[in-house]
Amino acid sequence: MSATFEGKPWTASFTLAQTMQMGGKPMLNLSGTEQGSPTMTFNSMLELKDPNDLAGGYPLKTGSPANSANFNILDSGAMVGHV
């Protein structure tokens, strides 16, 4: 996943990408490490427009409106599971 946060590039490596239903909405749960660090981990829940979406872009809800993130699971090498 790549993102722009406060004008700086940010990258993450996926170790797990899982889709699930929460409140009747398809959600994508992403887990991995930030910036290639073995200790900085993250977990993100993103609402999908379609449960089969494996790539997309999302605004980040913190900070500047210009902050955004893009993910492409097919290019990441992550394991993809549907719950």
Protein backbone atom coordinates (compact mmCIF):
# COMPACT_ATOMS: atom_id res chain seq x y z
CA MET A 1 0.00 0.00 0.00
CA SER A 2 1.29 3.46 -0.77
CA ALA A 3 0.00 6.65 0.78
CA THR A 4 0.65 10.35 0.99
CA PHE A 5 0.49 11.58 4.56
CA GLU A 6 1.28 15.19 5.44
CA GLY A 7 2.97 15.56 2.06
CA LYS A 8 5.37 12.66 2.62
CA PRO A 9 5.28 9.25 0.93
CA TRP A 10 4.45 6.27 3.13
CA THR A 11 4.60 2.61 2.17
CA ALA A 12 3.47 -0.60 3.79
CA SER A 13 3.97 -4.28 3.12
CA PHE A 14 0.94 -6.55 3.43
CA THR A 15 1.17 -9.81 5.32
CA LEU A 16 -2.57 -10.44 5.35
CA ALA A 17 -5.51 -9.10 3.38
CA GLN A 18 -8.92 -10.40 4.36
CA THR A 19 -12.43 -9.43 3.31
CA MET A 20 -15.37 -9.78 5.68
CA GLN A 21 -18.88 -8.52 6.28
CA MET A 22 -19.38 -6.04 9.12
CA GLY A 23 -22.76 -4.44 9.65
CA GLY A 24 -23.85 -5.71 6.24
CA LYS A 25 -20.98 -3.89 4.49
CA PRO A 26 -17.97 -5.53 2.82
CA MET A 27 -14.78 -4.61 4.66
CA LEU A 28 -11.11 -5.17 3.87
CA ASN A 29 -8.81 -5.92 6.79
CA LEU A 30 -5.16 -5.17 5.97
CA SER A 31 -2.28 -6.16 8.23
CA GLY A 32 1.40 -5.67 7.64
CA THR A 33 4.48 -3.61 8.40
CA GLU A 34 5.11 0.08 7.82
CA GLN A 35 8.00 1.41 5.75
CA GLY A 36 9.72 -1.99 5.65
CA SER A 37 10.27 -1.98 9.42
CA PRO A 38 10.06 -5.34 11.20
CA THR A 39 8.62 -3.68 14.32
CA MET A 40 6.20 -1.00 13.04
CA THR A 41 3.01 -2.92 12.30
CA PHE A 42 -0.41 -1.72 11.20
CA ASN A 43 -3.94 -3.01 10.89
CA SER A 44 -6.50 -1.15 8.76
CA MET A 45 -10.19 -1.74 8.12
CA LEU A 46 -11.44 -0.22 4.86
CA GLU A 47 -15.01 -0.30 3.59
CA LEU A 48 -15.15 -1.74 0.08
CA LYS A 49 -17.55 -0.67 -2.63
CA ASP A 50 -17.66 -4.29 -3.79
CA PRO A 51 -16.52 -7.38 -1.81
CA ASN A 52 -14.31 -8.45 -4.73
CA ASP A 53 -12.35 -5.17 -4.95
CA LEU A 54 -8.65 -5.97 -4.75
CA ALA A 55 -7.40 -2.50 -5.66
CA GLY A 56 -8.61 0.98 -4.84
CA GLY A 57 -7.96 4.37 -3.31
CA TYR A 58 -9.18 5.83 -0.05
CA PRO A 59 -8.98 9.23 1.61
CA LEU A 60 -7.38 9.13 5.05
CA LYS A 61 -9.62 10.59 7.73
CA THR A 62 -6.86 12.31 9.70
CA GLY A 63 -4.95 15.47 8.90
CA SER A 64 -5.10 17.22 5.55
CA PRO A 65 -7.82 16.41 2.99
CA ALA A 66 -4.97 15.69 0.55
CA ASN A 67 -3.93 12.65 2.58
CA SER A 68 -4.81 9.52 0.66
CA ALA A 69 -3.89 5.86 0.40
CA ASN A 70 -3.90 3.41 -2.50
CA PHE A 71 -3.74 -0.35 -2.27
CA ASN A 72 -3.31 -3.11 -4.82
CA ILE A 73 -3.42 -6.54 -3.25
CA LEU A 74 -2.63 -8.28 -6.51
CA ASP A 75 0.77 -6.54 -6.66
CA SER A 76 1.55 -6.99 -2.98
CA GLY A 77 2.11 -10.72 -2.74
CA ALA A 78 -0.20 -10.89 0.30
CA MET A 79 -2.34 -13.86 1.12
CA VAL A 80 -5.94 -12.97 0.30
CA GLY A 81 -8.76 -14.59 2.24
CA HIS A 82 -12.53 -14.17 2.34
CA VAL A 83 -14.26 -14.67 5.69
